[in-house]
Amino acid sequence: MNDHNGSQAVVRYFTIWATAYGQQQPLKNRILLENYFLPGDLEKQIEKFVDHYNHQRYHESLNNLTPADVYFGRGQSMLSKREKIKKRTIAKRRLHYQRQAA
């Protein structure tokens, strides 16, 4: 298999993966708008996206956690911390509003 066919195979596989995860259009555009001269270049770009998708991008269907947070068991503690911050923020806002109203 020459490099061009290898690149096409990677693109086909990636398109199937991205479609399965509902990311095809924006991701496909981002990946396919660049020129990749070696299959390794394309693979690096895909790895970069997958890392972003799993470790940095918050997913609404996962209570705005990353897949890595859920997979590694950090999800519940993060949700608890967020809830505490939310309660403190609401209490501060109420206090501020009460002082303004008085």
C-alpha atoms as a PDB file:
ATOM      1  CA  MET A   1       0.000   0.000   0.000  1.00  0.00           C
ATOM      2  CA  ASN A   2       1.486   3.357  -0.968  1.00  0.00           C
ATOM      3  CA  ASP A   3       1.270   6.477   1.226  1.00  0.00           C
ATOM      4  CA  HIS A   4      -1.674   7.923  -0.702  1.00  0.00           C
ATOM      5  CA  ASN A   5      -3.784   4.781  -0.239  1.00  0.00           C
ATOM      6  CA  GLY A   6      -2.767   4.673   3.421  1.00  0.00           C
ATOM      7  CA  SER A   7      -3.948   8.251   3.895  1.00  0.00           C
ATOM      8  CA  GLN A   8      -7.251   7.459   2.216  1.00  0.00           C
ATOM      9  CA  ALA A   9      -7.752   4.441   4.474  1.00  0.00           C
ATOM     10  CA  VAL A  10      -7.101   6.548   7.565  1.00  0.00           C
ATOM     11  CA  VAL A  11      -9.543   9.208   6.339  1.00  0.00           C
ATOM     12  CA  ARG A  12     -12.211   6.564   5.690  1.00  0.00           C
ATOM     13  CA  TYR A  13     -11.713   5.026   9.131  1.00  0.00           C
ATOM     14  CA  PHE A  14     -11.739   8.425  10.774  1.00  0.00           C
ATOM     15  CA  THR A  15     -14.898   9.468   8.933  1.00  0.00           C
ATOM     16  CA  ILE A  16     -16.626   6.309  10.166  1.00  0.00           C
ATOM     17  CA  TRP A  17     -15.447   6.991  13.741  1.00  0.00           C
ATOM     18  CA  ALA A  18     -16.456  10.647  13.623  1.00  0.00           C
ATOM     19  CA  THR A  19     -19.882   9.784  12.229  1.00  0.00           C
ATOM     20  CA  ALA A  20     -20.457   7.280  15.013  1.00  0.00           C
ATOM     21  CA  TYR A  21     -19.696   9.974  17.577  1.00  0.00           C
ATOM     22  CA  GLY A  22     -21.765  12.687  15.910  1.00  0.00           C
ATOM     23  CA  GLN A  23     -18.745  14.809  15.027  1.00  0.00           C
ATOM     24  CA  GLN A  24     -18.492  14.272  11.314  1.00  0.00           C
ATOM     25  CA  GLN A  25     -19.214  17.629   9.730  1.00  0.00           C
ATOM     26  CA  PRO A  26     -17.102  20.134  11.696  1.00  0.00           C
ATOM     27  CA  LEU A  27     -14.326  17.649  12.338  1.00  0.00           C
ATOM     28  CA  LYS A  28     -14.325  16.297   8.820  1.00  0.00           C
ATOM     29  CA  ASN A  29     -14.022  19.842   7.505  1.00  0.00           C
ATOM     30  CA  ARG A  30     -11.207  20.667   9.906  1.00  0.00           C
ATOM     31  CA  ILE A  31      -9.255  17.507   9.057  1.00  0.00           C
ATOM     32  CA  LEU A  32      -9.882  17.479   5.322  1.00  0.00           C
ATOM     33  CA  LEU A  33      -9.162  21.169   4.680  1.00  0.00           C
ATOM     34  CA  GLU A  34      -5.471  20.625   5.313  1.00  0.00           C
ATOM     35  CA  ASN A  35      -2.999  18.815   3.111  1.00  0.00           C
ATOM     36  CA  TYR A  36      -1.282  15.807   4.618  1.00  0.00           C
ATOM     37  CA  PHE A  37       1.722  14.541   2.745  1.00  0.00           C
ATOM     38  CA  LEU A  38       2.343  11.557   4.974  1.00  0.00           C
ATOM     39  CA  PRO A  39      -0.159   9.260   6.701  1.00  0.00           C
ATOM     40  CA  GLY A  40       1.617  10.023   9.986  1.00  0.00           C
ATOM     41  CA  ASP A  41       0.733  13.717   9.653  1.00  0.00           C
ATOM     42  CA  LEU A  42      -2.935  12.882   9.318  1.00  0.00           C
ATOM     43  CA  GLU A  43      -2.754  10.404  12.180  1.00  0.00           C
ATOM     44  CA  LYS A  44      -1.169  13.060  14.431  1.00  0.00           C
ATOM     45  CA  GLN A  45      -3.996  15.493  13.631  1.00  0.00           C
ATOM     46  CA  ILE A  46      -6.586  12.833  14.413  1.00  0.00           C
ATOM     47  CA  GLU A  47      -4.813  11.950  17.676  1.00  0.00           C
ATOM     48  CA  LYS A  48      -4.796  15.635  18.596  1.00  0.00           C
ATOM     49  CA  PHE A  49      -8.532  15.893  18.020  1.00  0.00           C
ATOM     50  CA  VAL A  50      -9.309  12.672  19.905  1.00  0.00           C
ATOM     51  CA  ASP A  51      -7.249  13.927  22.858  1.00  0.00           C
ATOM     52  CA  HIS A  52      -9.158  17.229  22.812  1.00  0.00           C
ATOM     53  CA  TYR A  53     -12.486  15.415  22.474  1.00  0.00           C
ATOM     54  CA  ASN A  54     -11.775  13.068  25.385  1.00  0.00           C
ATOM     55  CA  HIS A  55      -9.859  15.314  27.796  1.00  0.00           C
ATOM     56  CA  GLN A  56     -10.796  18.952  27.162  1.00  0.00           C
ATOM     57  CA  ARG A  57     -14.231  19.119  25.547  1.00  0.00           C
ATOM     58  CA  TYR A  58     -17.147  19.085  27.972  1.00  0.00           C
ATOM     59  CA  HIS A  59     -20.107  16.946  26.875  1.00  0.00           C
ATOM     60  CA  GLU A  60     -23.612  18.022  27.741  1.00  0.00           C
ATOM     61  CA  SER A  61     -24.782  14.406  27.726  1.00  0.00           C
ATOM     62  CA  LEU A  62     -22.199  13.687  30.460  1.00  0.00           C
ATOM     63  CA  ASN A  63     -23.367  16.526  32.754  1.00  0.00           C
ATOM     64  CA  ASN A  64     -20.750  18.814  31.221  1.00  0.00           C
ATOM     65  CA  LEU A  65     -17.872  16.522  32.111  1.00  0.00           C
ATOM     66  CA  THR A  66     -15.219  15.196  29.774  1.00  0.00           C
ATOM     67  CA  PRO A  67     -15.280  11.519  28.811  1.00  0.00           C
ATOM     68  CA  ALA A  68     -11.929  11.120  30.619  1.00  0.00           C
ATOM     69  CA  ASP A  69     -13.440  12.528  33.841  1.00  0.00           C
ATOM     70  CA  VAL A  70     -16.219   9.957  33.697  1.00  0.00           C
ATOM     71  CA  TYR A  71     -13.962   7.082  32.661  1.00  0.00           C
ATOM     72  CA  PHE A  72     -11.396   7.701  35.397  1.00  0.00           C
ATOM     73  CA  GLY A  73     -14.039   8.157  38.097  1.00  0.00           C
ATOM     74  CA  ARG A  74     -13.525  11.881  38.687  1.00  0.00           C
ATOM     75  CA  GLY A  75     -17.014  12.816  37.545  1.00  0.00           C
ATOM     76  CA  GLN A  76     -18.896  12.621  40.818  1.00  0.00           C
ATOM     77  CA  SER A  77     -16.300  14.577  42.775  1.00  0.00           C
ATOM     78  CA  MET A  78     -16.250  17.275  40.101  1.00  0.00           C
ATOM     79  CA  LEU A  79     -20.035  17.526  40.152  1.00  0.00           C
ATOM     80  CA  SER A  80     -19.962  17.796  43.959  1.00  0.00           C
ATOM     81  CA  LYS A  81     -17.381  20.599  43.804  1.00  0.00           C
ATOM     82  CA  ARG A  82     -19.466  22.432  41.208  1.00  0.00           C
ATOM     83  CA  GLU A  83     -22.559  22.121  43.390  1.00  0.00           C
ATOM     84  CA  LYS A  84     -20.706  23.598  46.390  1.00  0.00           C
ATOM     85  CA  ILE A  85     -19.438  26.497  44.275  1.00  0.00           C
ATOM     86  CA  LYS A  86     -22.944  27.079  42.938  1.00  0.00           C
ATOM     87  CA  LYS A  87     -24.436  27.183  46.455  1.00  0.00           C
ATOM     88  CA  ARG A  88     -21.747  29.607  47.686  1.00  0.00           C
ATOM     89  CA  THR A  89     -22.263  31.835  44.669  1.00  0.00           C
ATOM     90  CA  ILE A  90     -26.040  31.936  45.150  1.00  0.00           C
ATOM     91  CA  ALA A  91     -25.598  32.738  48.859  1.00  0.00           C
ATOM     92  CA  LYS A  92     -23.195  35.583  48.024  1.00  0.00           C
ATOM     93  CA  ARG A  93     -25.612  36.964  45.437  1.00  0.00           C
ATOM     94  CA  ARG A  94     -28.499  36.856  47.907  1.00  0.00           C
ATOM     95  CA  LEU A  95     -26.432  38.630  50.541  1.00  0.00           C
ATOM     96  CA  HIS A  96     -25.335  41.233  48.029  1.00  0.00           C
ATOM     97  CA  TYR A  97     -28.927  41.753  46.873  1.00  0.00           C
ATOM     98  CA  GLN A  98     -30.202  42.041  50.456  1.00  0.00           C
ATOM     99  CA  ARG A  99     -27.566  44.673  51.230  1.00  0.00           C
ATOM    100  CA  GLN A 100     -28.521  46.597  48.107  1.00  0.00           C
ATOM    101  CA  ALA A 101     -32.219  46.429  48.981  1.00  0.00           C
ATOM    102  CA  ALA A 102     -31.729  47.611  52.586  1.00  0.00           C
END
